[in-house]
Amino acid sequence: MAKIFKRGKNYFMDYRNPPGRAGKRIREKIGPVTKDEATIVLSTRLKDIQEGKNPELRRIKLVLFADHAREVMAKHYANKRCHEWAEVEIESNLIPFFGETYLTAITPLTISGYMARREKDGLAATTINNERAVLSKVMALAVEWGRRHDNPVLHVPEREVLKGDPRFLTHKEADKLIEKAHRHLKPILITALETGGRRSEVLGLEWGHVKLDRGLLYFDQTNTKSGRRREIPLTPTLHAALSGLSKVRSISGRVFTWRGKRLVSVRTAFEKARTDAGLGAEVTFHTLRHTFASWYAMRGGDLFRLKELLGHGDIKTTMIYAHLSPEHMKAAVPLMGRQPEPPRAIGGHNVDTFQESPDRAASGSA
């Protein structure tokens, strides 16, 4: 009879392949998981045997998630534009949770637990779905490289993303956030608010991309989502912030560093500043991008120019800010409500402005 048992911190399963006394007895290590997760692994194994898949996983070398994930970083993400973002997701989020678990022991239940924890941490549904996407790629490569027989992420649905107006900061909220930020974070926040750059674009900024004398900077095509270079003019606020930093440059060439080393994440520092500023968990680094776009639209900025500043591939994406543009809304006035009819002229007189005296109207005289 198939069963699971525990030795030390690890669960094992004991079953026969094929089932029955005549089958070969197999004892297989599952890993340091919960009893429920171990039960699911055993059930999956028995189901595969019943369906004729015959997955003798003893032939698959047990690999820890952390070791596999770092190999994915080196082999799959190394030359991709999103490598720094993926590195943050894998090193800062996925490995701390799944790192000491064997790939074969990760189940849909494990993944659902991870997503529930991230939701409890206050992360937006979109962010959780992005992390799920990275995890799915990591597990898909585990299948491709012969370390698993299936991708468990495919059995866990994405979080529902509620459509609505993007959250943006008021000027007072933005000032408070900058005020409460650590010294190294302040110019990063200012750059995001003054350019609308994504986190990876801002943190990847190099001094070679900043032209203080010409009053502009550009996000290099190797570090943008669209893969296109994007030039941004410097506002006076941003020019002052970058001029101060330019006096002490790191040998790494990066504009923003921590103790001379490149920055790939500011999550901890950002979350502390957010809390100290009295802002909710719905405010993320990406909120700064929405804030830039919203301020621009509310001042009547041209949406097609905003599209270029943000690097959107489709104007439809930029149109989520259209309702904030006063000029956009005013353009609808001629099409709204009861419209006056054009004046009619009779005998050289404007009928709409001609008024009869009360006496003439009452007597009916012409």
Protein backbone atom coordinates (compact mmCIF):
# COMPACT_ATOMS: atom_id res chain seq x y z
CA MET A 1 0.00 0.00 0.00
CA ALA A 2 1.38 3.40 -0.96
CA LYS A 3 2.19 5.71 1.92
CA ILE A 4 4.24 8.68 3.01
CA PHE A 5 6.51 8.87 6.05
CA LYS A 6 8.83 11.40 7.62
CA ARG A 7 12.45 11.13 8.66
CA GLY A 8 14.00 14.17 10.20
CA LYS A 9 12.86 17.22 8.23
CA ASN A 10 12.14 15.31 5.03
CA TYR A 11 9.11 13.38 3.80
CA PHE A 12 9.45 10.20 1.77
CA MET A 13 6.94 8.12 -0.20
CA ASP A 14 6.73 4.37 -0.44
CA TYR A 15 4.83 2.83 -3.39
CA ARG A 16 4.98 0.05 -5.97
CA ASN A 17 5.29 0.41 -9.72
CA PRO A 18 3.09 -1.08 -11.09
CA PRO A 19 0.69 -1.16 -8.10
CA GLY A 20 0.24 -4.46 -6.34
CA ARG A 21 2.51 -7.00 -4.70
CA ALA A 22 4.14 -7.84 -8.02
CA GLY A 23 5.24 -4.25 -8.60
CA LYS A 24 8.69 -2.95 -7.86
CA ARG A 25 8.86 -1.27 -4.48
CA ILE A 26 10.11 2.30 -4.67
CA ARG A 27 11.04 4.61 -1.84
CA GLU A 28 11.54 8.16 -2.97
CA LYS A 29 12.59 11.29 -1.12
CA ILE A 30 10.14 14.19 -1.42
CA GLY A 31 11.88 16.82 0.70
CA PRO A 32 11.17 19.27 3.54
CA VAL A 33 7.51 19.94 2.74
CA THR A 34 4.23 19.77 4.66
CA LYS A 35 2.30 16.55 5.08
CA ASP A 36 -0.44 17.78 2.73
CA GLU A 37 2.10 18.62 0.04
CA ALA A 38 3.76 15.22 0.40
CA THR A 39 0.37 13.56 0.05
CA ILE A 40 -0.28 15.48 -3.18
CA VAL A 41 3.10 14.40 -4.60
CA LEU A 42 2.29 10.75 -3.84
CA SER A 43 -1.21 11.07 -5.35
CA THR A 44 0.24 12.63 -8.50
CA ARG A 45 2.77 9.84 -8.79
CA LEU A 46 0.13 7.11 -8.47
CA LYS A 47 -2.12 8.88 -10.97
CA ASP A 48 0.72 9.10 -13.52
CA ILE A 49 1.44 5.40 -13.11
CA GLN A 50 -2.24 4.59 -13.57
CA GLU A 51 -2.33 6.66 -16.78
CA GLY A 52 0.71 4.87 -18.13
CA LYS A 53 3.14 7.74 -17.82
CA ASN A 54 5.38 5.60 -15.60
CA PRO A 55 7.49 8.51 -14.28
CA GLU A 56 10.33 6.78 -12.44
CA LEU A 57 11.54 9.94 -10.75
CA ARG A 58 14.28 8.07 -8.96
CA ARG A 59 16.14 8.46 -12.23
CA ILE A 60 15.77 12.22 -11.97
CA LYS A 61 18.45 13.79 -9.85
CA LEU A 62 16.94 15.75 -6.99
CA VAL A 63 17.73 19.43 -7.45
CA LEU A 64 16.98 22.20 -4.99
CA PHE A 65 14.92 25.08 -6.32
CA ALA A 66 17.64 27.61 -5.37
CA ASP A 67 20.31 25.80 -7.41
CA HIS A 68 18.03 25.40 -10.41
CA ALA A 69 16.77 29.00 -10.27
CA ARG A 70 20.30 30.41 -10.25
CA GLU A 71 21.17 28.22 -13.21
CA VAL A 72 18.11 29.63 -14.99
CA MET A 73 19.43 33.13 -14.29
CA ALA A 74 22.82 32.25 -15.77
CA LYS A 75 21.59 30.36 -18.84
CA HIS A 76 18.21 31.88 -19.72
CA TYR A 77 18.07 35.47 -18.46
CA ALA A 78 21.73 36.48 -18.79
CA ASN A 79 21.41 38.22 -22.18
CA LYS A 80 17.82 39.42 -21.93
CA ARG A 81 16.72 43.00 -21.29
CA CYS A 82 14.72 41.88 -18.26
CA HIS A 83 17.65 40.09 -16.59
CA GLU A 84 17.96 42.56 -13.71
CA TRP A 85 14.24 42.53 -13.02
CA ALA A 86 14.16 38.72 -13.18
CA GLU A 87 17.18 38.55 -10.86
CA VAL A 88 15.34 40.62 -8.27
CA GLU A 89 12.24 38.42 -8.50
CA ILE A 90 14.23 35.20 -8.23
CA GLU A 91 16.82 36.19 -5.61
CA SER A 92 14.67 38.43 -3.43
CA ASN A 93 11.29 36.68 -3.60
CA LEU A 94 11.25 33.16 -5.03
CA ILE A 95 14.43 31.69 -3.56
CA PRO A 96 13.68 32.79 0.03
CA PHE A 97 10.36 30.91 -0.20
CA PHE A 98 11.12 27.87 -2.41
CA GLY A 99 14.93 27.74 -2.19
CA GLU A 100 15.42 24.71 0.08
CA THR A 101 12.62 22.70 -1.53
CA TYR A 102 13.37 20.08 -4.18
CA LEU A 103 11.88 20.83 -7.59
CA THR A 104 9.91 17.58 -7.55
CA ALA A 105 8.28 18.54 -4.25
CA ILE A 106 6.81 21.86 -5.41
CA THR A 107 3.07 21.48 -5.93
CA PRO A 108 0.17 23.73 -6.92
CA LEU A 109 -0.64 23.91 -3.20
CA THR A 110 2.86 25.22 -2.45
CA ILE A 111 2.54 27.86 -5.15
CA SER A 112 -0.93 28.91 -4.00
CA GLY A 113 0.53 29.36 -0.52
CA TYR A 114 3.26 31.59 -1.90
CA MET A 115 0.78 33.76 -3.81
CA ALA A 116 -1.45 34.04 -0.73
CA ARG A 117 1.52 35.20 1.33
CA ARG A 118 2.43 37.84 -1.24
CA GLU A 119 -1.17 39.01 -1.25
CA LYS A 120 -1.06 39.29 2.54
CA ASP A 121 2.12 41.39 2.19
CA GLY A 122 -0.02 43.94 0.35
CA LEU A 123 1.24 43.34 -3.19
CA ALA A 124 -1.04 44.24 -6.09
CA ALA A 125 -2.54 41.47 -8.21
CA THR A 126 -0.47 42.55 -11.21
CA THR A 127 2.77 42.24 -9.23
CA ILE A 128 1.80 38.79 -7.95
CA ASN A 129 0.97 37.69 -11.49
CA ASN A 130 4.37 38.93 -12.69
CA GLU A 131 6.10 36.85 -10.02
CA ARG A 132 3.95 33.87 -11.00
CA ALA A 133 5.09 34.31 -14.62
CA VAL A 134 8.78 34.18 -13.61
CA LEU A 135 8.13 31.11 -11.45
CA SER A 136 6.31 29.46 -14.35
CA LYS A 137 9.33 30.01 -16.61
CA VAL A 138 11.66 28.58 -13.97
CA MET A 139 9.48 25.46 -13.64
CA ALA A 140 9.02 25.13 -17.41
CA LEU A 141 12.80 24.99 -17.80
CA ALA A 142 12.92 22.35 -15.06
CA VAL A 143 10.67 20.22 -17.28
CA GLU A 144 12.75 21.01 -20.37
CA TRP A 145 15.98 20.09 -18.56
CA GLY A 146 14.54 16.80 -17.28
CA ARG A 147 14.21 17.78 -13.63
CA ARG A 148 10.42 17.55 -13.47
CA HIS A 149 7.66 15.93 -15.49
CA ASP A 150 5.21 18.85 -15.35
CA ASN A 151 4.86 22.54 -14.60
CA PRO A 152 2.74 22.94 -11.43
CA VAL A 153 2.29 26.68 -11.98
CA LEU A 154 -0.09 25.95 -14.86
CA HIS A 155 -2.57 24.53 -12.33
CA VAL A 156 -2.63 27.76 -10.29
CA PRO A 157 -4.76 30.59 -11.78
CA GLU A 158 -3.57 34.17 -11.96
CA ARG A 159 -4.92 36.72 -9.53
CA GLU A 160 -7.80 38.77 -10.91
CA VAL A 161 -6.75 42.29 -11.78
CA LEU A 162 -9.46 44.83 -11.05
CA LYS A 163 -9.67 47.53 -13.68
CA GLY A 164 -9.82 51.09 -12.43
CA ASP A 165 -8.06 54.40 -12.40
CA PRO A 166 -4.34 54.00 -11.67
CA ARG A 167 -3.27 55.24 -8.25
CA PHE A 168 -1.16 58.37 -8.37
CA LEU A 169 0.30 60.63 -5.69
CA THR A 170 -0.68 64.17 -4.91
CA HIS A 171 2.15 66.69 -4.77
CA LYS A 172 1.92 66.64 -0.97
CA GLU A 173 2.15 62.82 -0.87
CA ALA A 174 5.13 62.80 -3.24
CA ASP A 175 6.95 65.41 -1.16
CA LYS A 176 6.29 63.40 2.00
CA LEU A 177 7.57 60.20 0.41
CA ILE A 178 10.81 61.90 -0.68
CA GLU A 179 11.20 63.53 2.72
CA LYS A 180 10.97 60.18 4.53
CA ALA A 181 13.22 58.31 2.09
CA HIS A 182 16.79 57.30 2.90
CA ARG A 183 19.44 59.54 1.40
CA HIS A 184 20.35 57.09 -1.38
CA LEU A 185 16.67 56.66 -2.32
CA LYS A 186 15.73 60.35 -2.62
CA PRO A 187 17.29 61.01 -6.07
CA ILE A 188 15.86 57.72 -7.34
CA LEU A 189 12.34 58.78 -6.37
CA ILE A 190 12.86 62.21 -7.92
CA THR A 191 14.08 60.63 -11.18
CA ALA A 192 11.07 58.31 -11.36
CA LEU A 193 8.62 61.14 -10.66
CA GLU A 194 10.29 63.53 -13.14
CA THR A 195 10.75 61.05 -16.03
CA GLY A 196 8.04 58.39 -15.66
CA GLY A 197 10.74 55.74 -15.97
CA ARG A 198 10.13 52.16 -14.91
CA ARG A 199 12.06 50.83 -11.93
CA SER A 200 14.51 48.84 -14.08
CA GLU A 201 15.03 51.84 -16.37
CA VAL A 202 15.75 54.21 -13.51
CA LEU A 203 18.05 51.85 -11.60
CA GLY A 204 19.85 50.92 -14.83
CA LEU A 205 20.63 54.54 -15.68
CA GLU A 206 24.32 55.17 -16.42
CA TRP A 207 26.19 58.47 -16.50
CA GLY A 208 26.76 57.92 -20.20
CA HIS A 209 22.99 58.21 -20.61
CA VAL A 210 22.82 61.59 -18.83
CA LYS A 211 23.62 64.78 -20.77
CA LEU A 212 23.47 67.58 -18.20
CA ASP A 213 24.87 70.16 -20.63
CA ARG A 214 22.13 69.35 -23.16
CA GLY A 215 19.42 69.00 -20.52
CA LEU A 216 18.32 65.45 -21.30
CA LEU A 217 18.82 61.81 -20.46
CA TYR A 218 17.90 58.68 -22.31
CA PHE A 219 16.85 55.20 -21.30
CA ASP A 220 18.98 52.81 -23.33
CA GLN A 221 17.22 50.35 -25.61
CA THR A 222 18.89 47.43 -23.82
CA ASN A 223 17.03 48.39 -20.66
CA THR A 224 13.57 49.41 -21.89
CA LYS A 225 10.50 47.22 -22.17
CA SER A 226 9.95 48.15 -25.82
CA GLY A 227 13.60 47.70 -26.77
CA ARG A 228 13.72 51.27 -28.10
CA ARG A 229 15.89 54.15 -26.89
CA ARG A 230 13.84 56.89 -25.25
CA GLU A 231 15.01 60.46 -24.70
CA ILE A 232 13.61 62.47 -21.78
CA PRO A 233 14.23 66.20 -21.25
CA LEU A 234 15.47 67.15 -17.77
CA THR A 235 13.17 69.23 -15.60
CA PRO A 236 14.84 71.83 -13.35
CA THR A 237 14.16 69.61 -10.33
CA LEU A 238 15.78 66.57 -11.93
CA HIS A 239 18.69 68.57 -13.34
CA ALA A 240 19.51 69.83 -9.85
CA ALA A 241 19.28 66.34 -8.33
CA LEU A 242 21.54 64.74 -10.95
CA SER A 243 24.01 67.62 -10.92
CA GLY A 244 24.56 67.01 -7.21
CA LEU A 245 25.15 63.29 -7.77
CA SER A 246 27.49 63.84 -10.72
CA LYS A 247 30.13 65.32 -8.44
CA VAL A 248 30.77 61.91 -6.86
CA ARG A 249 30.55 59.19 -9.49
CA SER A 250 30.94 55.47 -8.89
CA ILE A 251 33.48 53.50 -10.92
CA SER A 252 30.59 51.23 -11.93
CA GLY A 253 29.27 53.99 -14.18
CA ARG A 254 25.82 53.70 -12.66
CA VAL A 255 24.02 56.85 -11.56
CA PHE A 256 22.42 55.15 -8.56
CA THR A 257 24.52 52.91 -6.37
CA TRP A 258 24.72 51.59 -2.84
CA ARG A 259 28.20 51.73 -1.32
CA GLY A 260 29.68 51.88 -4.79
CA LYS A 261 27.81 48.85 -6.12
CA ARG A 262 24.96 48.76 -8.62
CA LEU A 263 21.41 48.69 -7.31
CA VAL A 264 18.94 46.14 -8.63
CA SER A 265 16.26 46.61 -5.97
CA VAL A 266 15.09 49.33 -3.60
CA ARG A 267 12.08 47.47 -2.25
CA THR A 268 13.06 47.51 1.42
CA ALA A 269 14.02 51.19 1.40
CA PHE A 270 10.91 52.12 -0.60
CA GLU A 271 8.54 50.24 1.69
CA LYS A 272 10.07 51.90 4.77
CA ALA A 273 9.73 55.36 3.21
CA ARG A 274 6.14 54.56 2.20
CA THR A 275 5.23 53.48 5.73
CA ASP A 276 6.94 56.49 7.32
CA ALA A 277 5.09 58.76 4.89
CA GLY A 278 1.75 57.27 5.95
CA LEU A 279 0.97 55.80 2.52
CA GLY A 280 -0.82 52.50 1.95
CA ALA A 281 0.50 49.26 0.49
CA GLU A 282 -1.24 50.05 -2.81
CA VAL A 283 1.52 52.60 -3.45
CA THR A 284 4.36 50.82 -5.24
CA PHE A 285 7.38 52.03 -7.17
CA HIS A 286 5.30 51.77 -10.34
CA THR A 287 2.90 54.31 -8.78
CA LEU A 288 5.58 56.93 -9.43
CA ARG A 289 5.26 56.26 -13.17
CA HIS A 290 1.48 56.69 -12.97
CA THR A 291 2.05 59.88 -10.97
CA PHE A 292 4.30 61.37 -13.66
CA ALA A 293 1.72 60.59 -16.37
CA SER A 294 -1.22 61.84 -14.31
CA TRP A 295 0.43 65.16 -13.45
CA TYR A 296 1.31 65.65 -17.12
CA ALA A 297 -2.24 64.92 -18.28
CA MET A 298 -3.86 67.12 -15.63
CA ARG A 299 -1.79 70.07 -16.83
CA GLY A 300 -3.23 69.57 -20.30
CA GLY A 301 -0.24 67.79 -21.80
CA ASP A 302 -0.56 66.25 -25.26
CA LEU A 303 -1.31 62.52 -24.97
CA PHE A 304 0.67 61.57 -28.06
CA ARG A 305 3.75 63.22 -26.60
CA LEU A 306 3.03 61.45 -23.31
CA LYS A 307 2.99 58.17 -25.23
CA GLU A 308 6.55 58.87 -26.42
CA LEU A 309 7.74 59.95 -22.98
CA LEU A 310 6.39 56.77 -21.38
CA GLY A 311 7.58 54.53 -24.21
CA HIS A 312 4.17 52.99 -24.84
CA GLY A 313 3.91 50.92 -27.98
CA ASP A 314 0.19 51.67 -28.41
CA ILE A 315 -1.70 54.92 -27.77
CA LYS A 316 -4.49 52.82 -26.21
CA THR A 317 -2.25 52.26 -23.19
CA THR A 318 -1.70 56.00 -22.81
CA MET A 319 -5.44 56.72 -23.07
CA ILE A 320 -6.02 55.55 -19.49
CA TYR A 321 -4.82 59.06 -18.54
CA ALA A 322 -7.12 60.85 -21.02
CA HIS A 323 -9.86 61.49 -18.46
CA LEU A 324 -7.39 63.54 -16.41
CA SER A 325 -6.69 65.93 -19.26
CA PRO A 326 -8.84 69.11 -19.03
CA GLU A 327 -8.42 69.79 -22.76
CA HIS A 328 -9.54 66.27 -23.58
CA MET A 329 -12.73 66.74 -21.59
CA LYS A 330 -13.42 70.26 -22.88
CA ALA A 331 -13.29 68.95 -26.44
CA ALA A 332 -16.51 67.04 -25.73
CA VAL A 333 -18.55 70.15 -24.79
CA PRO A 334 -19.78 70.98 -28.34
CA LEU A 335 -21.22 67.48 -28.54
CA MET A 336 -23.02 67.52 -25.21
CA GLY A 337 -26.50 68.57 -24.06
CA ARG A 338 -29.05 70.78 -25.84
CA GLN A 339 -27.38 72.79 -28.56
CA PRO A 340 -28.66 76.28 -29.62
CA GLU A 341 -30.16 76.48 -33.07
CA PRO A 342 -28.49 78.90 -35.52
CA PRO A 343 -30.22 82.35 -35.63
CA ARG A 344 -32.75 82.95 -38.45
CA ALA A 345 -32.74 86.28 -40.33
CA ILE A 346 -36.05 87.68 -41.73
CA GLY A 347 -36.24 91.01 -43.46
CA GLY A 348 -32.82 91.98 -42.25
CA HIS A 349 -33.75 91.32 -38.62
CA ASN A 350 -32.36 88.54 -36.40
CA VAL A 351 -35.51 86.68 -35.35
CA ASP A 352 -33.86 85.22 -32.25
CA THR A 353 -32.98 88.68 -30.93
CA PHE A 354 -36.19 90.44 -32.03
CA GLN A 355 -38.65 90.86 -29.15
CA GLU A 356 -42.23 92.10 -29.38
CA SER A 357 -43.55 94.54 -26.82
CA PRO A 358 -46.04 93.01 -24.38
CA ASP A 359 -48.77 95.34 -25.65
CA ARG A 360 -48.37 94.33 -29.30
CA ALA A 361 -48.22 90.66 -28.40
CA ALA A 362 -51.36 90.97 -26.28
CA SER A 363 -53.40 92.86 -28.88
CA GLY A 364 -52.40 90.54 -31.65
CA SER A 365 -51.63 93.48 -33.96
CA ALA A 366 -49.00 93.02 -36.62
